[in-house]
């Protein structure tokens, strides 16, 4: 039997290379893109709490719904990726391109990351619309290895060339219907399911199929 967990981000913000000490934690959008390589570069940051999913669960799918209100530059289906942020302790209302919290520098500007955990996608090409992005690799890693702490950085796969500048609504937007939402569908392993059934039987509970 499959189970579903739907959650909004506990943190969502972005960082801007050209303004490396500026915090954008209260912005109503999360911006990504490369307008000018080496200077005008944006990266998004998202964090979700998946601790309600057992570590032994099998992740069947993980779909992130975002709302793209408009584009800041010409829309183009350039390639982007969600990579694992290795500092989930970043502070949303303090972090910037250079720091993950006040007085604490990232090891590398733009966020510490592990790109061996990655979900690649093409940037949306239509605005005023919801879009679904597959992030199953990051979600499965968070459940299995990070106690459910899913922290991700969104960046262009090639930041050495110009890419579409775009954004999506954050949880700070006044309209709840535009907030990012991650839906994870998972199932319990056969061993865990048998153990749950055994415990229920011993406690005198009856389970219905």
N, C-alpha and C. Protein backbone atom coordinates (compact mmCIF):
# COMPACT_ATOMS: atom_id res chain seq x y z
N UNK A 1 0.84 -1.20 0.00
CA UNK A 1 0.00 0.00 0.00
C UNK A 1 0.88 1.25 0.00
N UNK A 2 0.55 2.19 -0.86
CA UNK A 2 1.31 3.42 -0.94
C UNK A 2 0.75 4.48 0.00
N UNK A 3 1.62 5.27 0.57
CA UNK A 3 1.27 6.36 1.47
C UNK A 3 1.74 7.67 0.85
N UNK A 4 1.13 8.77 1.27
CA UNK A 4 1.47 10.07 0.68
C UNK A 4 1.77 11.09 1.77
N UNK A 5 2.83 11.85 1.57
CA UNK A 5 3.16 12.98 2.44
C UNK A 5 3.27 14.22 1.56
N UNK A 6 2.52 15.27 1.89
CA UNK A 6 2.59 16.54 1.17
C UNK A 6 3.01 17.63 2.15
N UNK A 7 4.08 18.35 1.81
CA UNK A 7 4.63 19.36 2.72
C UNK A 7 5.06 20.60 1.95
N UNK A 8 4.96 21.73 2.64
CA UNK A 8 5.51 22.98 2.13
C UNK A 8 6.94 23.15 2.66
N UNK A 9 7.73 24.01 2.06
CA UNK A 9 9.11 24.20 2.54
C UNK A 9 9.14 24.79 3.95
N UNK A 10 10.12 24.37 4.72
CA UNK A 10 10.40 25.03 5.99
C UNK A 10 11.31 26.24 5.76
N UNK A 11 12.03 26.24 4.64
CA UNK A 11 12.87 27.37 4.24
C UNK A 11 12.84 27.45 2.72
N UNK A 12 12.73 28.67 2.18
CA UNK A 12 12.91 28.87 0.74
C UNK A 12 13.40 30.29 0.50
N UNK A 13 14.49 30.41 -0.24
CA UNK A 13 15.11 31.71 -0.47
C UNK A 13 16.05 31.59 -1.66
N UNK A 14 16.84 32.62 -1.90
CA UNK A 14 17.84 32.54 -2.97
C UNK A 14 19.05 33.39 -2.62
N UNK A 15 20.12 33.19 -3.39
CA UNK A 15 21.35 33.95 -3.20
C UNK A 15 21.77 34.54 -4.55
N UNK A 16 22.45 35.69 -4.49
CA UNK A 16 22.79 36.46 -5.69
C UNK A 16 24.28 36.79 -5.66
N UNK A 17 25.02 36.31 -6.65
CA UNK A 17 26.47 36.48 -6.68
C UNK A 17 26.88 37.95 -6.71
N UNK A 18 26.15 38.78 -7.45
CA UNK A 18 26.53 40.19 -7.58
C UNK A 18 26.28 40.99 -6.30
N UNK A 19 25.53 40.43 -5.38
CA UNK A 19 25.28 41.08 -4.08
C UNK A 19 25.49 40.02 -3.00
N UNK A 20 26.75 39.62 -2.78
CA UNK A 20 27.04 38.41 -2.01
C UNK A 20 26.76 38.47 -0.52
N UNK A 21 26.45 39.65 0.02
CA UNK A 21 26.15 39.74 1.45
C UNK A 21 24.67 40.08 1.71
N UNK A 22 23.88 40.12 0.66
CA UNK A 22 22.46 40.49 0.80
C UNK A 22 21.61 39.25 1.06
N UNK A 23 20.73 39.36 2.04
CA UNK A 23 19.80 38.27 2.36
C UNK A 23 18.45 38.53 1.70
N UNK A 24 17.85 37.44 1.15
CA UNK A 24 16.57 37.55 0.46
C UNK A 24 15.51 36.65 1.12
N UNK A 25 15.68 36.38 2.39
CA UNK A 25 14.83 35.42 3.08
C UNK A 25 13.37 35.78 3.18
N UNK A 26 13.01 37.06 3.06
CA UNK A 26 11.61 37.45 3.18
C UNK A 26 10.97 37.74 1.82
N UNK A 27 11.69 37.47 0.75
CA UNK A 27 11.14 37.72 -0.58
C UNK A 27 9.99 36.76 -0.88
N UNK A 28 9.07 37.19 -1.70
CA UNK A 28 7.91 36.36 -2.05
C UNK A 28 8.19 35.46 -3.25
N UNK A 29 9.42 35.50 -3.75
CA UNK A 29 9.81 34.64 -4.87
C UNK A 29 11.18 34.04 -4.61
N UNK A 30 11.47 32.95 -5.32
CA UNK A 30 12.79 32.32 -5.32
C UNK A 30 13.32 32.42 -6.74
N UNK A 31 14.48 33.06 -6.91
CA UNK A 31 15.00 33.37 -8.24
C UNK A 31 16.20 32.49 -8.59
N UNK A 32 16.25 32.05 -9.85
CA UNK A 32 17.36 31.28 -10.40
C UNK A 32 17.75 31.87 -11.75
N UNK A 33 18.97 31.58 -12.19
CA UNK A 33 19.36 31.98 -13.54
C UNK A 33 20.75 32.55 -13.63
N UNK A 34 21.22 32.69 -14.85
CA UNK A 34 22.54 33.27 -15.13
C UNK A 34 22.34 34.30 -16.23
N UNK A 35 22.35 35.57 -15.84
CA UNK A 35 22.22 36.65 -16.81
C UNK A 35 23.58 37.00 -17.38
N UNK A 36 24.59 37.06 -16.52
CA UNK A 36 25.97 37.34 -16.93
C UNK A 36 26.89 36.42 -16.13
N UNK A 37 27.49 35.42 -16.78
CA UNK A 37 28.35 34.48 -16.05
C UNK A 37 29.42 35.19 -15.23
N UNK A 38 29.58 34.72 -13.99
CA UNK A 38 30.61 35.29 -13.12
C UNK A 38 30.15 36.48 -12.31
N UNK A 39 28.98 37.05 -12.64
CA UNK A 39 28.50 38.22 -11.89
C UNK A 39 27.01 38.10 -11.56
N UNK A 40 26.17 38.10 -12.58
CA UNK A 40 24.73 38.08 -12.35
C UNK A 40 24.24 36.62 -12.39
N UNK A 41 24.44 35.96 -11.24
CA UNK A 41 24.11 34.55 -11.11
C UNK A 41 23.23 34.38 -9.86
N UNK A 42 22.12 33.66 -10.02
CA UNK A 42 21.20 33.40 -8.92
C UNK A 42 21.10 31.90 -8.66
N UNK A 43 20.99 31.54 -7.39
CA UNK A 43 20.74 30.16 -6.98
C UNK A 43 19.61 30.14 -5.96
N UNK A 44 18.72 29.16 -6.10
CA UNK A 44 17.63 29.00 -5.15
C UNK A 44 17.97 27.99 -4.07
N UNK A 45 17.30 28.11 -2.93
CA UNK A 45 17.50 27.20 -1.79
C UNK A 45 16.13 26.78 -1.26
N UNK A 46 15.96 25.48 -1.04
CA UNK A 46 14.73 24.94 -0.50
C UNK A 46 15.05 23.90 0.56
N UNK A 47 14.24 23.86 1.60
CA UNK A 47 14.38 22.79 2.59
C UNK A 47 13.00 22.28 3.00
N UNK A 48 12.89 20.94 3.12
CA UNK A 48 11.65 20.28 3.52
C UNK A 48 11.96 19.31 4.66
N UNK A 49 10.97 19.09 5.49
CA UNK A 49 11.08 18.12 6.59
C UNK A 49 10.33 16.85 6.19
N UNK A 50 11.08 15.78 5.91
CA UNK A 50 10.48 14.49 5.53
C UNK A 50 10.65 13.47 6.64
N UNK A 51 10.86 13.92 7.87
CA UNK A 51 11.13 13.01 8.97
C UNK A 51 9.93 12.11 9.30
N UNK A 52 8.74 12.45 8.80
CA UNK A 52 7.57 11.60 9.05
C UNK A 52 7.63 10.31 8.24
N UNK A 53 8.50 10.26 7.26
CA UNK A 53 8.65 9.05 6.44
C UNK A 53 9.71 8.15 7.07
N UNK A 54 9.41 6.89 7.36
CA UNK A 54 10.41 6.00 7.95
C UNK A 54 11.63 5.84 7.06
N UNK A 55 12.77 5.68 7.70
CA UNK A 55 14.02 5.58 6.97
C UNK A 55 14.02 4.39 6.00
N UNK A 56 13.33 3.32 6.35
CA UNK A 56 13.32 2.12 5.53
C UNK A 56 12.29 2.17 4.40
N UNK A 57 11.55 3.27 4.31
CA UNK A 57 10.50 3.38 3.29
C UNK A 57 11.09 3.36 1.89
N UNK A 58 10.29 2.89 0.96
CA UNK A 58 10.66 2.91 -0.46
C UNK A 58 9.99 4.14 -1.08
N UNK A 59 10.80 5.06 -1.59
CA UNK A 59 10.26 6.28 -2.19
C UNK A 59 9.85 5.95 -3.63
N UNK A 60 8.58 6.06 -3.91
CA UNK A 60 8.06 5.75 -5.24
C UNK A 60 8.07 6.95 -6.16
N UNK A 61 7.79 8.12 -5.61
CA UNK A 61 7.85 9.35 -6.41
C UNK A 61 7.97 10.54 -5.47
N UNK A 62 8.51 11.63 -6.00
CA UNK A 62 8.62 12.88 -5.24
C UNK A 62 8.48 14.02 -6.24
N UNK A 63 7.36 14.70 -6.19
CA UNK A 63 7.05 15.74 -7.17
C UNK A 63 6.91 17.09 -6.48
N UNK A 64 7.69 18.05 -6.94
CA UNK A 64 7.65 19.41 -6.39
C UNK A 64 6.78 20.28 -7.28
N UNK A 65 5.71 20.81 -6.72
CA UNK A 65 4.84 21.73 -7.44
C UNK A 65 5.26 23.16 -7.14
N UNK A 66 5.54 23.93 -8.20
CA UNK A 66 5.89 25.34 -8.05
C UNK A 66 5.01 26.17 -8.96
N UNK A 67 4.82 27.41 -8.56
CA UNK A 67 4.04 28.34 -9.38
C UNK A 67 4.97 29.42 -9.93
N UNK A 68 5.03 29.54 -11.25
CA UNK A 68 5.87 30.53 -11.91
C UNK A 68 4.99 31.69 -12.37
N UNK A 69 5.04 32.84 -11.67
CA UNK A 69 4.16 33.95 -12.03
C UNK A 69 4.58 34.69 -13.30
N UNK A 70 5.90 34.81 -13.52
CA UNK A 70 6.40 35.55 -14.68
C UNK A 70 7.89 35.25 -14.85
N UNK A 71 8.44 35.68 -15.98
CA UNK A 71 9.87 35.54 -16.22
C UNK A 71 10.54 36.90 -16.14
N UNK A 72 11.75 36.90 -15.61
CA UNK A 72 12.52 38.14 -15.53
C UNK A 72 13.38 38.34 -16.77
N UNK A 73 13.56 37.30 -17.56
CA UNK A 73 14.30 37.37 -18.82
C UNK A 73 13.63 36.39 -19.77
N UNK A 74 14.07 36.37 -21.01
CA UNK A 74 13.42 35.53 -22.02
C UNK A 74 13.34 34.08 -21.57
N UNK A 75 12.16 33.51 -21.70
CA UNK A 75 11.95 32.11 -21.31
C UNK A 75 12.65 31.18 -22.28
N UNK A 76 13.34 30.21 -21.74
CA UNK A 76 14.01 29.20 -22.57
C UNK A 76 14.19 27.96 -21.72
N UNK A 77 14.02 26.80 -22.35
CA UNK A 77 14.06 25.54 -21.59
C UNK A 77 15.50 25.13 -21.29
N UNK A 78 16.23 25.97 -20.60
CA UNK A 78 17.59 25.66 -20.22
C UNK A 78 17.61 24.63 -19.10
N UNK A 79 18.71 23.92 -19.01
CA UNK A 79 18.80 22.84 -18.04
C UNK A 79 19.22 23.36 -16.66
N UNK A 80 18.48 22.94 -15.66
CA UNK A 80 18.76 23.26 -14.27
C UNK A 80 18.82 21.97 -13.46
N UNK A 81 19.25 22.10 -12.22
CA UNK A 81 19.28 20.91 -11.36
C UNK A 81 19.06 21.28 -9.91
N UNK A 82 18.46 20.33 -9.18
CA UNK A 82 18.41 20.37 -7.73
C UNK A 82 19.56 19.50 -7.23
N UNK A 83 20.47 20.07 -6.45
CA UNK A 83 21.56 19.31 -5.86
C UNK A 83 21.46 19.40 -4.34
N UNK A 84 22.03 18.44 -3.66
CA UNK A 84 21.93 18.40 -2.19
C UNK A 84 22.75 19.52 -1.56
N UNK A 85 22.12 20.29 -0.70
CA UNK A 85 22.83 21.28 0.10
C UNK A 85 23.39 20.57 1.33
N UNK A 86 24.69 20.65 1.53
CA UNK A 86 25.32 19.92 2.62
C UNK A 86 25.31 20.69 3.95
N UNK A 87 24.70 21.86 3.95
CA UNK A 87 24.53 22.62 5.20
C UNK A 87 23.04 22.92 5.41
N UNK A 88 22.28 21.92 5.82
CA UNK A 88 20.85 22.16 6.05
C UNK A 88 20.59 23.13 7.20
N UNK A 89 21.64 23.46 7.95
CA UNK A 89 21.47 24.41 9.05
C UNK A 89 21.48 25.86 8.58
N UNK A 90 21.54 26.11 7.27
CA UNK A 90 21.52 27.49 6.79
C UNK A 90 20.29 28.21 7.34
N UNK A 91 20.47 29.49 7.67
CA UNK A 91 19.40 30.29 8.28
C UNK A 91 18.75 31.16 7.20
N UNK A 92 17.49 30.93 6.96
CA UNK A 92 16.80 31.57 5.84
C UNK A 92 16.90 33.10 5.88
N UNK A 93 16.73 33.68 7.05
CA UNK A 93 16.70 35.14 7.15
C UNK A 93 18.08 35.76 7.41
N UNK A 94 19.15 34.96 7.28
CA UNK A 94 20.51 35.47 7.46
C UNK A 94 21.42 35.14 6.28
N UNK A 95 21.19 34.02 5.62
CA UNK A 95 22.12 33.53 4.60
C UNK A 95 22.18 34.46 3.38
N UNK A 96 23.32 34.36 2.69
CA UNK A 96 23.55 35.10 1.46
C UNK A 96 24.51 34.27 0.61
N UNK A 97 24.98 34.82 -0.49
CA UNK A 97 25.90 34.08 -1.35
C UNK A 97 27.17 33.67 -0.60
N UNK A 98 27.62 34.52 0.31
CA UNK A 98 28.89 34.27 1.02
C UNK A 98 28.73 33.54 2.34
N UNK A 99 27.57 33.61 2.96
CA UNK A 99 27.41 33.05 4.31
C UNK A 99 26.14 32.19 4.40
N UNK A 100 26.18 31.20 5.30
CA UNK A 100 24.97 30.41 5.54
C UNK A 100 24.23 30.85 6.79
N UNK A 101 24.90 31.63 7.63
CA UNK A 101 24.28 32.32 8.76
C UNK A 101 25.22 33.44 9.15
N UNK A 102 24.74 34.34 9.98
CA UNK A 102 25.56 35.49 10.35
C UNK A 102 26.89 35.07 10.95
N UNK A 103 27.99 35.52 10.34
CA UNK A 103 29.33 35.21 10.83
C UNK A 103 29.87 33.87 10.39
N UNK A 104 29.12 33.10 9.60
CA UNK A 104 29.56 31.76 9.18
C UNK A 104 29.56 31.65 7.66
N UNK A 105 30.75 31.50 7.09
CA UNK A 105 30.89 31.43 5.64
C UNK A 105 30.60 30.04 5.10
N UNK A 106 29.99 30.02 3.90
CA UNK A 106 29.97 28.77 3.15
C UNK A 106 31.41 28.36 2.83
N UNK A 107 31.67 27.10 2.71
CA UNK A 107 33.00 26.67 2.26
C UNK A 107 33.26 27.20 0.87
N UNK A 108 32.25 27.20 0.02
CA UNK A 108 32.33 27.76 -1.33
C UNK A 108 31.17 28.71 -1.51
N UNK A 109 31.42 29.87 -2.12
CA UNK A 109 30.35 30.84 -2.34
C UNK A 109 29.20 30.24 -3.13
N UNK A 110 28.01 30.64 -2.76
CA UNK A 110 26.83 30.13 -3.46
C UNK A 110 26.25 28.89 -2.84
N UNK A 111 26.82 28.44 -1.72
CA UNK A 111 26.25 27.29 -1.02
C UNK A 111 27.08 26.04 -1.14
N UNK A 112 27.23 25.31 -0.04
CA UNK A 112 27.96 24.05 -0.04
C UNK A 112 27.04 22.96 -0.57
N UNK A 113 27.55 22.17 -1.51
CA UNK A 113 26.66 21.22 -2.18
C UNK A 113 27.37 19.91 -2.50
N UNK A 114 26.54 18.92 -2.73
CA UNK A 114 26.98 17.59 -3.17
C UNK A 114 26.24 17.30 -4.47
N UNK A 115 26.94 17.43 -5.61
CA UNK A 115 26.26 17.24 -6.88
C UNK A 115 26.17 15.79 -7.32
N UNK A 116 26.57 14.87 -6.44
CA UNK A 116 26.34 13.46 -6.75
C UNK A 116 24.88 13.08 -6.47
N UNK A 117 24.18 13.93 -5.72
CA UNK A 117 22.74 13.77 -5.51
C UNK A 117 22.06 14.87 -6.30
N UNK A 118 21.46 14.54 -7.43
CA UNK A 118 20.99 15.56 -8.36
C UNK A 118 19.70 15.13 -9.06
N UNK A 119 18.83 16.10 -9.30
CA UNK A 119 17.65 15.92 -10.13
C UNK A 119 17.67 17.03 -11.18
N UNK A 120 17.82 16.65 -12.44
CA UNK A 120 17.96 17.60 -13.54
C UNK A 120 16.60 17.83 -14.19
N UNK A 121 16.34 19.08 -14.58
CA UNK A 121 15.07 19.42 -15.23
C UNK A 121 15.28 20.60 -16.16
N UNK A 122 14.34 20.82 -17.05
CA UNK A 122 14.36 21.98 -17.93
C UNK A 122 13.53 23.10 -17.33
N UNK A 123 14.05 24.31 -17.36
CA UNK A 123 13.32 25.45 -16.81
C UNK A 123 11.98 25.60 -17.51
N UNK A 124 10.93 25.98 -16.79
CA UNK A 124 9.62 26.18 -17.41
C UNK A 124 9.70 27.25 -18.50
N UNK A 125 8.87 27.10 -19.51
CA UNK A 125 8.83 28.07 -20.61
C UNK A 125 7.50 28.82 -20.68
N UNK A 126 6.58 28.52 -19.79
CA UNK A 126 5.33 29.28 -19.74
C UNK A 126 5.12 29.79 -18.32
N UNK A 127 4.62 31.02 -18.23
CA UNK A 127 4.43 31.65 -16.92
C UNK A 127 2.96 31.68 -16.54
N UNK A 128 2.70 32.22 -15.34
CA UNK A 128 1.37 32.22 -14.74
C UNK A 128 0.81 30.80 -14.75
N UNK A 129 1.64 29.86 -14.29
CA UNK A 129 1.25 28.44 -14.33
C UNK A 129 1.99 27.66 -13.26
N UNK A 130 1.37 26.55 -12.85
CA UNK A 130 2.02 25.61 -11.96
C UNK A 130 2.84 24.61 -12.78
N UNK A 131 3.95 24.17 -12.20
CA UNK A 131 4.81 23.19 -12.86
C UNK A 131 5.22 22.14 -11.83
N UNK A 132 5.37 20.91 -12.28
CA UNK A 132 5.78 19.81 -11.41
C UNK A 132 7.18 19.35 -11.82
N UNK A 133 8.06 19.24 -10.82
CA UNK A 133 9.44 18.84 -11.06
C UNK A 133 9.75 17.60 -10.22
N UNK A 134 10.36 16.63 -10.86
CA UNK A 134 10.71 15.37 -10.20
C UNK A 134 11.99 15.57 -9.37
N UNK A 135 11.91 15.32 -8.06
CA UNK A 135 13.08 15.44 -7.18
C UNK A 135 13.29 14.15 -6.39
N UNK A 136 13.01 13.02 -7.02
CA UNK A 136 13.04 11.75 -6.30
C UNK A 136 14.42 11.39 -5.78
N UNK A 137 15.48 11.74 -6.49
CA UNK A 137 16.83 11.38 -6.01
C UNK A 137 17.16 12.10 -4.71
N UNK A 138 16.85 13.39 -4.65
CA UNK A 138 17.10 14.15 -3.42
C UNK A 138 16.21 13.68 -2.28
N UNK A 139 14.95 13.40 -2.58
CA UNK A 139 14.03 12.96 -1.52
C UNK A 139 14.44 11.60 -0.97
N UNK A 140 14.79 10.67 -1.84
CA UNK A 140 15.19 9.33 -1.39
C UNK A 140 16.45 9.40 -0.54
N UNK A 141 17.41 10.25 -0.94
CA UNK A 141 18.63 10.40 -0.16
C UNK A 141 18.34 10.99 1.21
N UNK A 142 17.45 11.98 1.27
CA UNK A 142 17.13 12.62 2.55
C UNK A 142 16.49 11.63 3.52
N UNK A 143 15.58 10.81 3.02
CA UNK A 143 14.89 9.84 3.87
C UNK A 143 15.86 8.76 4.34
N UNK A 144 16.67 8.25 3.44
CA UNK A 144 17.56 7.13 3.77
C UNK A 144 18.78 7.54 4.58
N UNK A 145 19.28 8.77 4.36
CA UNK A 145 20.59 9.13 4.91
C UNK A 145 20.63 10.39 5.75
N UNK A 146 19.58 11.22 5.74
CA UNK A 146 19.65 12.54 6.40
C UNK A 146 18.56 12.74 7.43
N UNK A 147 17.98 11.67 7.94
CA UNK A 147 16.89 11.77 8.92
C UNK A 147 15.73 12.61 8.41
N UNK A 148 15.54 12.61 7.10
CA UNK A 148 14.42 13.34 6.51
C UNK A 148 14.68 14.80 6.23
N UNK A 149 15.88 15.30 6.51
CA UNK A 149 16.20 16.70 6.24
C UNK A 149 16.56 16.86 4.76
N UNK A 150 15.63 17.38 3.99
CA UNK A 150 15.83 17.55 2.55
C UNK A 150 16.17 19.00 2.26
N UNK A 151 17.44 19.28 2.04
CA UNK A 151 17.92 20.63 1.72
C UNK A 151 18.51 20.60 0.32
N UNK A 152 18.05 21.52 -0.53
CA UNK A 152 18.47 21.51 -1.93
C UNK A 152 18.85 22.91 -2.41
N UNK A 153 19.80 22.93 -3.34
CA UNK A 153 20.18 24.15 -4.06
C UNK A 153 19.74 23.97 -5.50
N UNK A 154 19.14 25.01 -6.06
CA UNK A 154 18.71 24.99 -7.46
C UNK A 154 19.65 25.88 -8.26
N UNK A 155 20.25 25.32 -9.28
CA UNK A 155 21.21 26.09 -10.08
C UNK A 155 21.15 25.64 -11.53
N UNK A 156 21.67 26.47 -12.43
CA UNK A 156 21.84 26.07 -13.82
C UNK A 156 22.93 25.02 -13.88
N UNK A 157 22.76 24.01 -14.72
CA UNK A 157 23.79 22.97 -14.81
C UNK A 157 25.09 23.52 -15.38
N UNK A 158 25.01 24.57 -16.16
CA UNK A 158 26.21 25.23 -16.70
C UNK A 158 26.08 26.72 -16.41
N UNK A 159 26.78 27.18 -15.38
CA UNK A 159 26.70 28.59 -15.01
C UNK A 159 27.74 29.43 -15.74
N UNK A 160 28.45 28.81 -16.67
CA UNK A 160 29.45 29.54 -17.45
C UNK A 160 28.88 30.22 -18.68
N UNK A 161 27.60 29.99 -18.95
CA UNK A 161 26.93 30.65 -20.08
C UNK A 161 25.60 31.21 -19.59
N UNK A 162 25.09 32.21 -20.31
CA UNK A 162 23.84 32.85 -19.91
C UNK A 162 22.68 31.86 -19.98
N UNK A 163 21.82 31.93 -18.99
CA UNK A 163 20.64 31.08 -18.89
C UNK A 163 19.43 31.94 -18.55
N UNK A 164 18.25 31.44 -18.84
CA UNK A 164 17.03 32.19 -18.54
C UNK A 164 16.97 32.53 -17.05
N UNK A 165 16.62 33.76 -16.75
CA UNK A 165 16.39 34.17 -15.36
C UNK A 165 14.90 34.01 -15.07
N UNK A 166 14.58 33.21 -14.08
CA UNK A 166 13.17 32.93 -13.78
C UNK A 166 12.99 32.78 -12.29
N UNK A 167 11.77 32.72 -11.86
CA UNK A 167 11.50 32.58 -10.42
C UNK A 167 10.17 31.90 -10.20
N UNK A 168 9.99 31.42 -8.97
CA UNK A 168 8.70 30.87 -8.57
C UNK A 168 8.32 31.44 -7.21
N UNK A 169 7.04 31.35 -6.89
CA UNK A 169 6.54 31.92 -5.64
C UNK A 169 7.07 31.16 -4.44
N UNK A 170 7.34 31.88 -3.36
CA UNK A 170 7.82 31.29 -2.12
C UNK A 170 6.69 31.18 -1.11
N UNK A 171 6.98 30.59 0.04
CA UNK A 171 5.95 30.48 1.08
C UNK A 171 5.63 31.83 1.71
N UNK A 172 6.40 32.87 1.36
CA UNK A 172 6.11 34.21 1.87
C UNK A 172 5.06 34.93 1.02
N UNK A 173 4.68 34.34 -0.11
CA UNK A 173 3.63 34.94 -0.93
C UNK A 173 2.31 34.91 -0.17
N UNK A 174 1.53 35.96 -0.30
CA UNK A 174 0.26 36.06 0.43
C UNK A 174 -0.77 35.03 -0.04
N UNK A 175 -0.61 34.54 -1.26
CA UNK A 175 -1.55 33.58 -1.82
C UNK A 175 -1.07 32.15 -1.54
N UNK A 176 -1.74 31.47 -0.63
CA UNK A 176 -1.32 30.12 -0.24
C UNK A 176 -1.31 29.16 -1.42
N UNK A 177 -2.15 29.38 -2.41
CA UNK A 177 -2.25 28.45 -3.53
C UNK A 177 -1.02 28.46 -4.42
N UNK A 178 -0.15 29.45 -4.24
CA UNK A 178 1.07 29.54 -5.05
C UNK A 178 2.29 28.96 -4.34
N UNK A 179 2.15 28.55 -3.09
CA UNK A 179 3.30 28.09 -2.34
C UNK A 179 3.86 26.78 -2.90
N UNK A 180 5.17 26.61 -2.87
CA UNK A 180 5.73 25.32 -3.28
C UNK A 180 5.19 24.19 -2.41
N UNK A 181 4.96 23.05 -3.02
CA UNK A 181 4.49 21.89 -2.26
C UNK A 181 5.15 20.63 -2.81
N UNK A 182 5.74 19.87 -1.92
CA UNK A 182 6.38 18.61 -2.28
C UNK A 182 5.46 17.46 -1.89
N UNK A 183 5.15 16.61 -2.86
CA UNK A 183 4.33 15.43 -2.61
C UNK A 183 5.18 14.18 -2.80
N UNK A 184 5.33 13.42 -1.72
CA UNK A 184 6.13 12.20 -1.75
C UNK A 184 5.20 11.01 -1.59
N UNK A 185 5.26 10.08 -2.51
CA UNK A 185 4.52 8.82 -2.41
C UNK A 185 5.52 7.72 -2.08
N UNK A 186 5.21 6.97 -1.02
CA UNK A 186 6.16 5.97 -0.56
C UNK A 186 5.42 4.74 -0.06
N UNK A 187 6.15 3.66 0.10
CA UNK A 187 5.59 2.44 0.68
C UNK A 187 6.56 1.92 1.72
N UNK A 188 6.04 1.17 2.68
CA UNK A 188 6.87 0.57 3.70
C UNK A 188 7.49 -0.71 3.14
N UNK A 189 8.68 -1.01 3.57
CA UNK A 189 9.31 -2.25 3.13
C UNK A 189 8.49 -3.43 3.61
N UNK A 190 8.62 -4.56 2.92
CA UNK A 190 7.86 -5.75 3.28
C UNK A 190 8.15 -6.18 4.71
N UNK A 191 9.42 -6.09 5.13
CA UNK A 191 9.79 -6.49 6.49
C UNK A 191 9.11 -5.59 7.51
N UNK A 192 9.12 -4.28 7.25
CA UNK A 192 8.50 -3.35 8.21
C UNK A 192 7.00 -3.59 8.27
N UNK A 193 6.38 -3.82 7.10
CA UNK A 193 4.94 -4.06 7.08
C UNK A 193 4.58 -5.30 7.88
N UNK A 194 5.39 -6.37 7.74
CA UNK A 194 5.12 -7.59 8.50
C UNK A 194 5.28 -7.35 9.99
N UNK A 195 6.31 -6.56 10.36
CA UNK A 195 6.53 -6.26 11.77
C UNK A 195 5.36 -5.47 12.35
N UNK A 196 4.84 -4.50 11.57
CA UNK A 196 3.71 -3.71 12.03
C UNK A 196 2.48 -4.60 12.23
N UNK A 197 2.27 -5.54 11.30
CA UNK A 197 1.14 -6.45 11.42
C UNK A 197 1.29 -7.33 12.64
N UNK A 198 2.51 -7.83 12.87
CA UNK A 198 2.75 -8.70 14.01
C UNK A 198 2.50 -7.96 15.32
N UNK A 199 2.98 -6.71 15.40
CA UNK A 199 2.78 -5.93 16.62
C UNK A 199 1.30 -5.66 16.86
N UNK A 200 0.57 -5.36 15.78
CA UNK A 200 -0.85 -5.08 15.93
C UNK A 200 -1.60 -6.31 16.40
N UNK A 201 -1.22 -7.49 15.86
CA UNK A 201 -1.89 -8.72 16.27
C UNK A 201 -1.62 -9.04 17.73
N UNK A 202 -0.37 -8.84 18.17
CA UNK A 202 -0.02 -9.12 19.56
C UNK A 202 -0.73 -8.19 20.51
N UNK A 203 -1.01 -6.96 20.05
CA UNK A 203 -1.67 -6.00 20.93
C UNK A 203 -3.19 -6.16 20.91
N UNK A 204 -3.67 -7.12 20.10
CA UNK A 204 -5.11 -7.39 20.07
C UNK A 204 -5.85 -6.54 19.07
N UNK A 205 -5.11 -5.74 18.22
CA UNK A 205 -5.76 -4.92 17.22
C UNK A 205 -5.99 -5.73 15.96
N UNK A 206 -7.02 -5.37 15.24
CA UNK A 206 -7.30 -6.00 13.97
C UNK A 206 -7.01 -5.03 12.84
N UNK A 207 -6.38 -5.51 11.80
CA UNK A 207 -6.08 -4.68 10.66
C UNK A 207 -6.93 -5.11 9.48
N UNK A 208 -7.46 -4.12 8.77
CA UNK A 208 -8.25 -4.42 7.60
C UNK A 208 -7.44 -4.10 6.33
N UNK A 209 -7.60 -4.93 5.34
CA UNK A 209 -6.90 -4.68 4.07
C UNK A 209 -7.53 -3.47 3.38
